């Protein structure tokens, strides 16, 4: 009787483990993204936005640097004729200009990246929604990205996701 109970427990446990393993799949999101036409178009638009913003920012940056250099050169030339207090104020002013330039660089970089991200986010969201829909349709509870796996012997749903996206 104990042997029968142990055999039934092992059999049910084995089936449960097999079912749990069957509910995990993987997908190659990089492959999907690099071939998804909507994503590629968004990527191209994001690149153009970044280049346009960079050109505008670069002009402003160059103007700021030119103003800094001219001001610093003038202050240095006038330094012997100024009081120590005035020279200290001018040093602080030049330092403040340098800090403004550094802050401008950081802000412009952030704004470019943010604009590019916002341009690409809708197509990335569509890919994630397609993965979720395919996983639900096929009964998978977990879908892992292929890039994060060392071994991927399980079900690959990349083709199904591409089909869901219409390509």
Protein backbone atom coordinates (compact mmCIF):
# COMPACT_ATOMS: atom_id res chain seq x y z
CA UNK A 1 0.00 0.00 0.00
CA UNK A 2 2.83 2.42 0.89
CA UNK A 3 4.61 1.54 -2.36
CA UNK A 4 1.45 2.24 -4.38
CA UNK A 5 0.95 5.58 -2.61
CA UNK A 6 4.61 6.52 -3.21
CA UNK A 7 4.33 5.55 -6.90
CA UNK A 8 1.17 7.65 -7.33
CA UNK A 9 2.81 10.63 -5.58
CA UNK A 10 5.90 10.40 -7.80
CA UNK A 11 3.75 10.03 -10.93
CA UNK A 12 1.58 13.06 -10.08
CA UNK A 13 4.66 15.07 -9.09
CA UNK A 14 6.34 14.18 -12.37
CA UNK A 15 3.32 15.26 -14.38
CA UNK A 16 3.16 18.53 -12.42
CA UNK A 17 6.84 19.21 -13.13
CA UNK A 18 6.33 18.45 -16.82
CA UNK A 19 3.35 20.81 -16.97
CA UNK A 20 5.30 23.57 -15.18
CA UNK A 21 8.15 23.24 -17.67
CA UNK A 22 5.75 23.35 -20.60
CA UNK A 23 4.52 26.78 -19.50
CA UNK A 24 7.84 28.49 -20.19
CA UNK A 25 8.90 29.71 -23.62
CA UNK A 26 11.49 32.08 -25.00
CA UNK A 27 11.53 34.78 -27.65
CA UNK A 28 14.28 36.60 -29.51
CA UNK A 29 13.23 40.24 -29.08
CA UNK A 30 16.38 41.51 -30.80
CA UNK A 31 15.54 39.55 -33.93
CA UNK A 32 11.97 40.83 -33.84
CA UNK A 33 12.99 44.45 -33.35
CA UNK A 34 15.68 44.45 -36.03
CA UNK A 35 13.17 43.18 -38.60
CA UNK A 36 9.94 44.90 -37.43
CA UNK A 37 9.20 47.58 -40.07
CA UNK A 38 7.42 49.92 -37.66
CA UNK A 39 10.33 49.76 -35.22
CA UNK A 40 12.86 50.36 -37.97
CA UNK A 41 10.90 53.41 -39.18
CA UNK A 42 10.70 54.75 -35.62
CA UNK A 43 14.42 54.13 -35.19
CA UNK A 44 15.16 56.14 -38.34
CA UNK A 45 12.90 58.98 -37.18
CA UNK A 46 14.53 58.93 -33.75
CA UNK A 47 17.94 59.17 -35.40
CA UNK A 48 16.83 62.20 -37.43
CA UNK A 49 15.36 63.85 -34.33
CA UNK A 50 18.62 63.24 -32.46
CA UNK A 51 20.71 64.68 -35.30
CA UNK A 52 18.47 67.74 -35.59
CA UNK A 53 18.54 68.39 -31.87
CA UNK A 54 22.30 67.81 -31.79
CA UNK A 55 22.85 70.41 -34.54
CA UNK A 56 20.78 72.99 -32.66
CA UNK A 57 22.46 72.17 -29.37
CA UNK A 58 25.89 72.23 -30.95
CA UNK A 59 25.39 75.77 -32.25
CA UNK A 60 24.20 76.94 -28.85
CA UNK A 61 27.09 75.13 -27.15
CA UNK A 62 29.63 76.72 -29.49
CA UNK A 63 28.14 80.17 -28.83
CA UNK A 64 28.38 79.58 -25.08
CA UNK A 65 32.00 78.42 -25.33
CA UNK A 66 32.91 81.39 -27.53
CA UNK A 67 31.34 83.79 -25.01
CA UNK A 68 33.21 82.06 -22.19
CA UNK A 69 36.55 82.23 -23.99
CA UNK A 70 36.08 85.90 -24.91
CA UNK A 71 35.02 86.83 -21.39
CA UNK A 72 37.87 84.88 -19.77
CA UNK A 73 40.43 86.43 -22.14
CA UNK A 74 39.09 89.94 -21.51
CA UNK A 75 39.06 89.42 -17.74
CA UNK A 76 42.59 88.04 -17.80
CA UNK A 77 43.79 91.01 -19.85
CA UNK A 78 42.06 93.48 -17.49
CA UNK A 79 43.10 91.67 -14.30
CA UNK A 80 46.16 93.85 -13.52
CA UNK A 81 43.98 96.97 -13.56
CA UNK A 82 41.25 95.54 -11.33
CA UNK A 83 40.99 95.13 -7.57
CA UNK A 84 41.45 91.74 -5.97
CA UNK A 85 37.77 91.73 -5.04
CA UNK A 86 36.73 92.46 -8.65
CA UNK A 87 39.09 89.76 -9.96
CA UNK A 88 37.63 87.24 -7.48
CA UNK A 89 34.11 88.13 -8.67
CA UNK A 90 35.19 87.67 -12.27
CA UNK A 91 36.77 84.29 -11.49
CA UNK A 92 33.48 83.19 -9.94
CA UNK A 93 31.57 84.48 -12.97
CA UNK A 94 33.79 82.53 -15.37
CA UNK A 95 33.41 79.41 -13.22
CA UNK A 96 29.64 79.88 -13.24
CA UNK A 97 29.73 80.11 -17.05
CA UNK A 98 31.72 76.85 -17.20
CA UNK A 99 29.19 75.15 -14.94
CA UNK A 100 26.35 76.42 -17.13
CA UNK A 101 28.02 74.94 -20.19
CA UNK A 102 28.46 71.57 -18.48
CA UNK A 103 24.85 71.61 -17.32
CA UNK A 104 23.71 72.53 -20.83
CA UNK A 105 25.61 69.54 -22.26
CA UNK A 106 24.00 67.15 -19.78
CA UNK A 107 20.52 68.56 -20.31
CA UNK A 108 20.77 68.51 -24.09
CA UNK A 109 22.02 64.91 -24.05
CA UNK A 110 19.15 63.91 -21.76
CA UNK A 111 16.60 65.72 -23.95
CA UNK A 112 17.89 64.01 -27.11
CA UNK A 113 17.75 60.58 -25.51
CA UNK A 114 14.28 61.27 -24.11
CA UNK A 115 12.94 62.40 -27.50
CA UNK A 116 14.43 59.35 -29.20
CA UNK A 117 13.01 57.01 -26.55
CA UNK A 118 9.56 58.56 -26.86
CA UNK A 119 9.65 58.08 -30.63
CA UNK A 120 10.52 54.39 -30.33
CA UNK A 121 8.37 53.50 -27.31
CA UNK A 122 5.09 52.83 -29.21
CA UNK A 123 6.64 50.22 -31.50
CA UNK A 124 8.45 48.59 -28.57
CA UNK A 125 5.13 48.50 -26.71
CA UNK A 126 3.48 46.78 -29.69
CA UNK A 127 6.17 44.10 -29.65
CA UNK A 128 5.66 43.51 -25.91
CA UNK A 129 1.88 43.36 -26.38
CA UNK A 130 2.30 40.84 -29.21
CA UNK A 131 4.57 38.69 -27.04
CA UNK A 132 2.02 38.80 -24.24
CA UNK A 133 -0.86 37.92 -26.59
CA UNK A 134 1.01 34.99 -28.13
CA UNK A 135 2.04 33.73 -24.70
CA UNK A 136 -1.55 33.88 -23.46
CA UNK A 137 -2.91 32.23 -26.61
CA UNK A 138 -0.39 29.38 -26.40
CA UNK A 139 -0.78 29.02 -22.63
CA UNK A 140 2.68 30.13 -21.52
CA UNK A 141 2.95 31.69 -18.10
CA UNK A 142 6.54 32.86 -18.57
CA UNK A 143 8.36 34.06 -21.65
CA UNK A 144 12.08 34.73 -21.35
CA UNK A 145 14.18 36.79 -23.71
CA UNK A 146 16.62 34.64 -25.69
CA UNK A 147 19.43 37.13 -25.01
CA UNK A 148 19.22 36.36 -21.28
CA UNK A 149 19.47 32.58 -21.68
CA UNK A 150 22.53 30.40 -21.79
CA UNK A 151 20.57 27.38 -23.01
CA UNK A 152 17.28 27.72 -24.87
CA UNK A 153 16.01 24.22 -25.58
CA UNK A 154 12.38 25.13 -24.89
CA UNK A 155 9.70 26.52 -27.17
CA UNK A 156 10.76 29.56 -29.22
CA UNK A 157 7.74 31.76 -29.98
CA UNK A 158 9.61 34.34 -32.08
CA UNK A 159 7.91 33.26 -35.33
CA UNK A 160 4.47 33.43 -33.71
CA UNK A 161 5.16 36.92 -32.41
CA UNK A 162 6.29 38.09 -35.85
CA UNK A 163 3.09 36.64 -37.31
CA UNK A 164 1.05 38.46 -34.64
CA UNK A 165 2.79 41.72 -35.62
CA UNK A 166 1.85 41.08 -39.25
CA UNK A 167 5.16 40.30 -40.86
